[in-house]
Structures are given as C-alpha cells and as structure tokens.
Amino acid sequence: MLLKRQGGATYIFAVDMRGTATHATFGGLTNLPPGAQAVVIGESRQIPISGAAFEDDFAAWGVHLYRIQ
C-alpha cells in the first residue's frame, strides 16, 4: 500500500500480494472532511469512511486505486 496527497486529495494505491482473495482495512486516515468517501478509481463505486477507516475486498493479486477528497 502507498498513500500520497496531491492537490487537496489523498490517493491510496493497494495491491493484494498474497495471491489469495482477502479483506483489507485501511485505517489511521486523519484530517478528512466529515462524510468523506473513498472513490475506487476505474470501478464506479465509493466506500464510506467511518472512524478514520474503510474496508474493501481484493481478489487474488487484485489492485485498487482510491481517491479521497
């Protein structure tokens, strides 16, 4: 996982490196506006952020790119 901030947005790049389907929790996300959501780039879906964290599922070797504004 890699987190970068650019132009007022936070980007998270994540890859399942185990080769098996998995469920991941991304926590410790601070300084986000109330009601922030993680937009999954290229997948037409959004994940609500609650308690400075969000969760997502990964297929084996799956890659997800998130943008939080």
PDB file of N, CA and C in Angstrom:
ATOM      1  N   MET A   1       0.830  -1.163   0.000  1.00  0.00           N
ATOM      2  CA  MET A   1       0.000   0.000   0.000  1.00  0.00           C
ATOM      3  C   MET A   1       0.884   1.239   0.000  1.00  0.00           C
ATOM      4  N   LEU A   2       0.436   2.267  -0.726  1.00  0.00           N
ATOM      5  CA  LEU A   2       1.148   3.543  -0.796  1.00  0.00           C
ATOM      6  C   LEU A   2       0.113   4.644  -0.681  1.00  0.00           C
ATOM      7  N   LEU A   3       0.371   5.642   0.153  1.00  0.00           N
ATOM      8  CA  LEU A   3      -0.523   6.784   0.317  1.00  0.00           C
ATOM      9  C   LEU A   3       0.208   8.045  -0.104  1.00  0.00           C
ATOM     10  N   LYS A   4      -0.447   8.859  -0.924  1.00  0.00           N
ATOM     11  CA  LYS A   4       0.116  10.134  -1.385  1.00  0.00           C
ATOM     12  C   LYS A   4      -0.969  11.199  -1.314  1.00  0.00           C
ATOM     13  N   ARG A   5      -0.563  12.417  -1.056  1.00  0.00           N
ATOM     14  CA  ARG A   5      -1.503  13.544  -1.080  1.00  0.00           C
ATOM     15  C   ARG A   5      -1.075  14.501  -2.179  1.00  0.00           C
ATOM     16  N   GLN A   6      -2.054  14.910  -2.998  1.00  0.00           N
ATOM     17  CA  GLN A   6      -1.760  15.794  -4.129  1.00  0.00           C
ATOM     18  C   GLN A   6      -2.988  16.639  -4.432  1.00  0.00           C
ATOM     19  N   GLY A   7      -2.807  17.942  -4.554  1.00  0.00           N
ATOM     20  CA  GLY A   7      -3.884  18.825  -4.977  1.00  0.00           C
ATOM     21  C   GLY A   7      -5.129  18.758  -4.127  1.00  0.00           C
ATOM     22  N   GLY A   8      -4.996  18.590  -2.821  1.00  0.00           N
ATOM     23  CA  GLY A   8      -6.146  18.537  -1.932  1.00  0.00           C
ATOM     24  C   GLY A   8      -6.813  17.177  -1.837  1.00  0.00           C
ATOM     25  N   ALA A   9      -6.293  16.184  -2.514  1.00  0.00           N
ATOM     26  CA  ALA A   9      -6.852  14.834  -2.464  1.00  0.00           C
ATOM     27  C   ALA A   9      -5.821  13.871  -1.872  1.00  0.00           C
ATOM     28  N   THR A  10      -6.332  12.794  -1.285  1.00  0.00           N
ATOM     29  CA  THR A  10      -5.494  11.714  -0.770  1.00  0.00           C
ATOM     30  C   THR A  10      -5.686  10.512  -1.684  1.00  0.00           C
ATOM     31  N   TYR A  11      -4.599   9.920  -2.121  1.00  0.00           N
ATOM     32  CA  TYR A  11      -4.645   8.750  -3.001  1.00  0.00           C
ATOM     33  C   TYR A  11      -4.027   7.557  -2.278  1.00  0.00           C
ATOM     34  N   ILE A  12      -4.687   6.417  -2.392  1.00  0.00           N
ATOM     35  CA  ILE A  12      -4.169   5.172  -1.837  1.00  0.00           C
ATOM     36  C   ILE A  12      -4.068   4.165  -2.974  1.00  0.00           C
ATOM     37  N   PHE A  13      -2.900   3.575  -3.118  1.00  0.00           N
ATOM     38  CA  PHE A  13      -2.636   2.546  -4.120  1.00  0.00           C
ATOM     39  C   PHE A  13      -2.393   1.250  -3.353  1.00  0.00           C
ATOM     40  N   ALA A  14      -3.218   0.228  -3.579  1.00  0.00           N
ATOM     41  CA  ALA A  14      -3.119  -1.001  -2.799  1.00  0.00           C
ATOM     42  C   ALA A  14      -3.156  -2.234  -3.702  1.00  0.00           C
ATOM     43  N   VAL A  15      -2.361  -3.244  -3.336  1.00  0.00           N
ATOM     44  CA  VAL A  15      -2.266  -4.493  -4.097  1.00  0.00           C
ATOM     45  C   VAL A  15      -2.295  -5.672  -3.130  1.00  0.00           C
ATOM     46  N   ASP A  16      -3.049  -6.708  -3.482  1.00  0.00           N
ATOM     47  CA  ASP A  16      -3.025  -7.957  -2.717  1.00  0.00           C
ATOM     48  C   ASP A  16      -1.814  -8.754  -3.176  1.00  0.00           C
ATOM     49  N   MET A  17      -0.794  -8.837  -2.328  1.00  0.00           N
ATOM     50  CA  MET A  17       0.456  -9.514  -2.689  1.00  0.00           C
ATOM     51  C   MET A  17       0.508 -10.975  -2.239  1.00  0.00           C
ATOM     52  N   ARG A  18      -0.585 -11.479  -1.650  1.00  0.00           N
ATOM     53  CA  ARG A  18      -0.581 -12.862  -1.156  1.00  0.00           C
ATOM     54  C   ARG A  18      -1.019 -13.876  -2.202  1.00  0.00           C
ATOM     55  N   GLY A  19      -1.707 -13.404  -3.226  1.00  0.00           N
ATOM     56  CA  GLY A  19      -2.174 -14.338  -4.249  1.00  0.00           C
ATOM     57  C   GLY A  19      -3.440 -15.071  -3.865  1.00  0.00           C
ATOM     58  N   THR A  20      -4.101 -14.639  -2.787  1.00  0.00           N
ATOM     59  CA  THR A  20      -5.389 -15.208  -2.384  1.00  0.00           C
ATOM     60  C   THR A  20      -6.343 -14.055  -2.101  1.00  0.00           C
ATOM     61  N   ALA A  21      -7.615 -14.275  -2.303  1.00  0.00           N
ATOM     62  CA  ALA A  21      -8.604 -13.240  -2.018  1.00  0.00           C
ATOM     63  C   ALA A  21      -8.494 -12.842  -0.547  1.00  0.00           C
ATOM     64  N   THR A  22      -8.687 -11.548  -0.277  1.00  0.00           N
ATOM     65  CA  THR A  22      -8.544 -11.067   1.098  1.00  0.00           C
ATOM     66  C   THR A  22      -9.443  -9.864   1.340  1.00  0.00           C
ATOM     67  N   HIS A  23      -9.664  -9.578   2.613  1.00  0.00           N
ATOM     68  CA  HIS A  23     -10.432  -8.411   3.047  1.00  0.00           C
ATOM     69  C   HIS A  23      -9.452  -7.493   3.760  1.00  0.00           C
ATOM     70  N   ALA A  24      -9.416  -6.219   3.365  1.00  0.00           N
ATOM     71  CA  ALA A  24      -8.436  -5.286   3.928  1.00  0.00           C
ATOM     72  C   ALA A  24      -9.129  -4.126   4.627  1.00  0.00           C
ATOM     73  N   THR A  25      -8.508  -3.644   5.692  1.00  0.00           N
ATOM     74  CA  THR A  25      -8.955  -2.449   6.398  1.00  0.00           C
ATOM     75  C   THR A  25      -7.861  -1.407   6.288  1.00  0.00           C
ATOM     76  N   PHE A  26      -8.232  -0.207   5.867  1.00  0.00           N
ATOM     77  CA  PHE A  26      -7.312   0.918   5.756  1.00  0.00           C
ATOM     78  C   PHE A  26      -7.674   1.892   6.863  1.00  0.00           C
ATOM     79  N   GLY A  27      -6.804   2.046   7.841  1.00  0.00           N
ATOM     80  CA  GLY A  27      -7.109   2.881   8.996  1.00  0.00           C
ATOM     81  C   GLY A  27      -6.106   3.990   9.194  1.00  0.00           C
ATOM     82  N   GLY A  28      -6.378   4.807  10.208  1.00  0.00           N
ATOM     83  CA  GLY A  28      -5.481   5.904  10.541  1.00  0.00           C
ATOM     84  C   GLY A  28      -5.570   7.072   9.580  1.00  0.00           C
ATOM     85  N   LEU A  29      -6.683   7.181   8.863  1.00  0.00           N
ATOM     86  CA  LEU A  29      -6.855   8.258   7.890  1.00  0.00           C
ATOM     87  C   LEU A  29      -7.302   9.518   8.635  1.00  0.00           C
ATOM     88  N   THR A  30      -6.423  10.484   8.746  1.00  0.00           N
ATOM     89  CA  THR A  30      -6.707  11.687   9.517  1.00  0.00           C
ATOM     90  C   THR A  30      -6.892  12.901   8.620  1.00  0.00           C
ATOM     91  N   ASN A  31      -7.420  13.956   9.200  1.00  0.00           N
ATOM     92  CA  ASN A  31      -7.625  15.240   8.518  1.00  0.00           C
ATOM     93  C   ASN A  31      -8.524  15.127   7.288  1.00  0.00           C
ATOM     94  N   LEU A  32      -9.544  14.299   7.385  1.00  0.00           N
ATOM     95  CA  LEU A  32     -10.504  14.160   6.289  1.00  0.00           C
ATOM     96  C   LEU A  32     -11.791  14.888   6.661  1.00  0.00           C
ATOM     97  N   PRO A  33     -12.492  15.433   5.669  1.00  0.00           N
ATOM     98  CA  PRO A  33     -13.746  16.131   5.970  1.00  0.00           C
ATOM     99  C   PRO A  33     -14.831  15.143   6.413  1.00  0.00           C
ATOM    100  N   PRO A  34     -15.805  15.614   7.180  1.00  0.00           N
ATOM    101  CA  PRO A  34     -16.919  14.745   7.572  1.00  0.00           C
ATOM    102  C   PRO A  34     -17.622  14.189   6.337  1.00  0.00           C
ATOM    103  N   GLY A  35     -18.006  12.940   6.399  1.00  0.00           N
ATOM    104  CA  GLY A  35     -18.701  12.307   5.284  1.00  0.00           C
ATOM    105  C   GLY A  35     -17.813  11.923   4.117  1.00  0.00           C
ATOM    106  N   ALA A  36     -16.499  11.937   4.316  1.00  0.00           N
ATOM    107  CA  ALA A  36     -15.571  11.594   3.233  1.00  0.00           C
ATOM    108  C   ALA A  36     -15.810  10.158   2.761  1.00  0.00           C
ATOM    109  N   GLN A  37     -15.558   9.939   1.484  1.00  0.00           N
ATOM    110  CA  GLN A  37     -15.674   8.616   0.891  1.00  0.00           C
ATOM    111  C   GLN A  37     -14.438   8.315   0.064  1.00  0.00           C
ATOM    112  N   ALA A  38     -14.109   7.040  -0.017  1.00  0.00           N
ATOM    113  CA  ALA A  38     -13.009   6.599  -0.865  1.00  0.00           C
ATOM    114  C   ALA A  38     -13.609   6.220  -2.220  1.00  0.00           C
ATOM    115  N   VAL A  39     -13.278   6.979  -3.243  1.00  0.00           N
ATOM    116  CA  VAL A  39     -13.728   6.676  -4.603  1.00  0.00           C
ATOM    117  C   VAL A  39     -12.754   5.658  -5.183  1.00  0.00           C
ATOM    118  N   VAL A  40     -13.263   4.524  -5.642  1.00  0.00           N
ATOM    119  CA  VAL A  40     -12.408   3.495  -6.228  1.00  0.00           C
ATOM    120  C   VAL A  40     -12.249   3.854  -7.710  1.00  0.00           C
ATOM    121  N   ILE A  41     -11.069   4.315  -8.060  1.00  0.00           N
ATOM    122  CA  ILE A  41     -10.799   4.814  -9.407  1.00  0.00           C
ATOM    123  C   ILE A  41     -10.943   3.686 -10.431  1.00  0.00           C
ATOM    124  N   GLY A  42     -11.727   3.950 -11.473  1.00  0.00           N
ATOM    125  CA  GLY A  42     -11.914   2.980 -12.550  1.00  0.00           C
ATOM    126  C   GLY A  42     -12.924   1.888 -12.256  1.00  0.00           C
ATOM    127  N   GLU A  43     -13.591   1.937 -11.100  1.00  0.00           N
ATOM    128  CA  GLU A  43     -14.543   0.887 -10.748  1.00  0.00           C
ATOM    129  C   GLU A  43     -15.958   1.408 -10.513  1.00  0.00           C
ATOM    130  N   SER A  44     -16.188   2.689 -10.633  1.00  0.00           N
ATOM    131  CA  SER A  44     -17.522   3.281 -10.472  1.00  0.00           C
ATOM    132  C   SER A  44     -18.187   2.902  -9.151  1.00  0.00           C
ATOM    133  N   ARG A  45     -17.420   2.974  -8.067  1.00  0.00           N
ATOM    134  CA  ARG A  45     -18.007   2.728  -6.745  1.00  0.00           C
ATOM    135  C   ARG A  45     -17.292   3.588  -5.711  1.00  0.00           C
ATOM    136  N   GLN A  46     -17.980   3.790  -4.586  1.00  0.00           N
ATOM    137  CA  GLN A  46     -17.454   4.585  -3.491  1.00  0.00           C
ATOM    138  C   GLN A  46     -17.633   3.812  -2.196  1.00  0.00           C
ATOM    139  N   ILE A  47     -16.685   4.009  -1.271  1.00  0.00           N
ATOM    140  CA  ILE A  47     -16.733   3.325   0.012  1.00  0.00           C
ATOM    141  C   ILE A  47     -16.768   4.380   1.102  1.00  0.00           C
ATOM    142  N   PRO A  48     -17.762   4.346   1.996  1.00  0.00           N
ATOM    143  CA  PRO A  48     -17.813   5.335   3.074  1.00  0.00           C
ATOM    144  C   PRO A  48     -16.654   5.142   4.055  1.00  0.00           C
ATOM    145  N   ILE A  49     -16.151   6.255   4.573  1.00  0.00           N
ATOM    146  CA  ILE A  49     -15.090   6.227   5.583  1.00  0.00           C
ATOM    147  C   ILE A  49     -15.735   6.491   6.924  1.00  0.00           C
ATOM    148  N   SER A  50     -15.508   5.606   7.867  1.00  0.00           N
ATOM    149  CA  SER A  50     -16.090   5.724   9.200  1.00  0.00           C
ATOM    150  C   SER A  50     -15.003   5.504  10.242  1.00  0.00           C
ATOM    151  N   GLY A  51     -14.903   6.416  11.205  1.00  0.00           N
ATOM    152  CA  GLY A  51     -13.897   6.255  12.252  1.00  0.00           C
ATOM    153  C   GLY A  51     -12.485   6.275  11.699  1.00  0.00           C
ATOM    154  N   ALA A  52     -12.226   7.102  10.697  1.00  0.00           N
ATOM    155  CA  ALA A  52     -10.898   7.245  10.066  1.00  0.00           C
ATOM    156  C   ALA A  52     -10.427   5.964   9.378  1.00  0.00           C
ATOM    157  N   ALA A  53     -11.392   5.123   8.930  1.00  0.00           N
ATOM    158  CA  ALA A  53     -11.014   3.865   8.273  1.00  0.00           C
ATOM    159  C   ALA A  53     -12.077   3.455   7.251  1.00  0.00           C
ATOM    160  N   PHE A  54     -11.669   2.603   6.306  1.00  0.00           N
ATOM    161  CA  PHE A  54     -12.612   1.958   5.393  1.00  0.00           C
ATOM    162  C   PHE A  54     -12.100   0.562   5.081  1.00  0.00           C
ATOM    163  N   GLU A  55     -12.991  -0.278   4.552  1.00  0.00           N
ATOM    164  CA  GLU A  55     -12.662  -1.672   4.252  1.00  0.00           C
ATOM    165  C   GLU A  55     -13.008  -1.988   2.802  1.00  0.00           C
ATOM    166  N   ASP A  56     -12.287  -2.957   2.242  1.00  0.00           N
ATOM    167  CA  ASP A  56     -12.568  -3.393   0.872  1.00  0.00           C
ATOM    168  C   ASP A  56     -12.085  -4.823   0.686  1.00  0.00           C
ATOM    169  N   ASP A  57     -12.628  -5.485  -0.321  1.00  0.00           N
ATOM    170  CA  ASP A  57     -12.235  -6.855  -0.658  1.00  0.00           C
ATOM    171  C   ASP A  57     -11.330  -6.837  -1.884  1.00  0.00           C
ATOM    172  N   PHE A  58     -10.382  -7.762  -1.901  1.00  0.00           N
ATOM    173  CA  PHE A  58      -9.444  -7.897  -3.009  1.00  0.00           C
ATOM    174  C   PHE A  58      -9.483  -9.317  -3.535  1.00  0.00           C
ATOM    175  N   ALA A  59      -9.500  -9.451  -4.856  1.00  0.00           N
ATOM    176  CA  ALA A  59      -9.302 -10.759  -5.486  1.00  0.00           C
ATOM    177  C   ALA A  59      -7.811 -11.092  -5.395  1.00  0.00           C
ATOM    178  N   ALA A  60      -7.454 -12.320  -5.673  1.00  0.00           N
ATOM    179  CA  ALA A  60      -6.034 -12.692  -5.684  1.00  0.00           C
ATOM    180  C   ALA A  60      -5.283 -11.773  -6.632  1.00  0.00           C
ATOM    181  N   TRP A  61      -4.211 -11.190  -6.164  1.00  0.00           N
ATOM    182  CA  TRP A  61      -3.377 -10.245  -6.915  1.00  0.00           C
ATOM    183  C   TRP A  61      -4.148  -8.988  -7.332  1.00  0.00           C
ATOM    184  N   GLY A  62      -5.273  -8.721  -6.685  1.00  0.00           N
ATOM    185  CA  GLY A  62      -6.103  -7.572  -7.030  1.00  0.00           C
ATOM    186  C   GLY A  62      -5.438  -6.230  -6.717  1.00  0.00           C
ATOM    187  N   VAL A  63      -5.784  -5.234  -7.514  1.00  0.00           N
ATOM    188  CA  VAL A  63      -5.245  -3.872  -7.353  1.00  0.00           C
ATOM    189  C   VAL A  63      -6.432  -2.914  -7.244  1.00  0.00           C
ATOM    190  N   HIS A  64      -6.387  -2.009  -6.264  1.00  0.00           N
ATOM    191  CA  HIS A  64      -7.385  -0.957  -6.136  1.00  0.00           C
ATOM    192  C   HIS A  64      -6.675   0.377  -5.966  1.00  0.00           C
ATOM    193  N   LEU A  65      -7.219   1.377  -6.632  1.00  0.00           N
ATOM    194  CA  LEU A  65      -6.706   2.751  -6.504  1.00  0.00           C
ATOM    195  C   LEU A  65      -7.853   3.591  -5.940  1.00  0.00           C
ATOM    196  N   TYR A  66      -7.578   4.319  -4.860  1.00  0.00           N
ATOM    197  CA  TYR A  66      -8.611   5.100  -4.185  1.00  0.00           C
ATOM    198  C   TYR A  66      -8.256   6.589  -4.201  1.00  0.00           C
ATOM    199  N   ARG A  67      -9.290   7.429  -4.298  1.00  0.00           N
ATOM    200  CA  ARG A  67      -9.120   8.881  -4.174  1.00  0.00           C
ATOM    201  C   ARG A  67     -10.095   9.356  -3.101  1.00  0.00           C
ATOM    202  N   ILE A  68      -9.585  10.114  -2.147  1.00  0.00           N
ATOM    203  CA  ILE A  68     -10.395  10.684  -1.075  1.00  0.00           C
ATOM    204  C   ILE A  68     -10.249  12.196  -1.148  1.00  0.00           C
ATOM    205  N   GLN A  69     -11.387  12.906  -1.269  1.00  0.00           N
ATOM    206  CA  GLN A  69     -11.334  14.369  -1.327  1.00  0.00           C
ATOM    207  C   GLN A  69     -12.163  14.964  -0.225  1.00  0.00           C
TER     208      GLN A  69
END
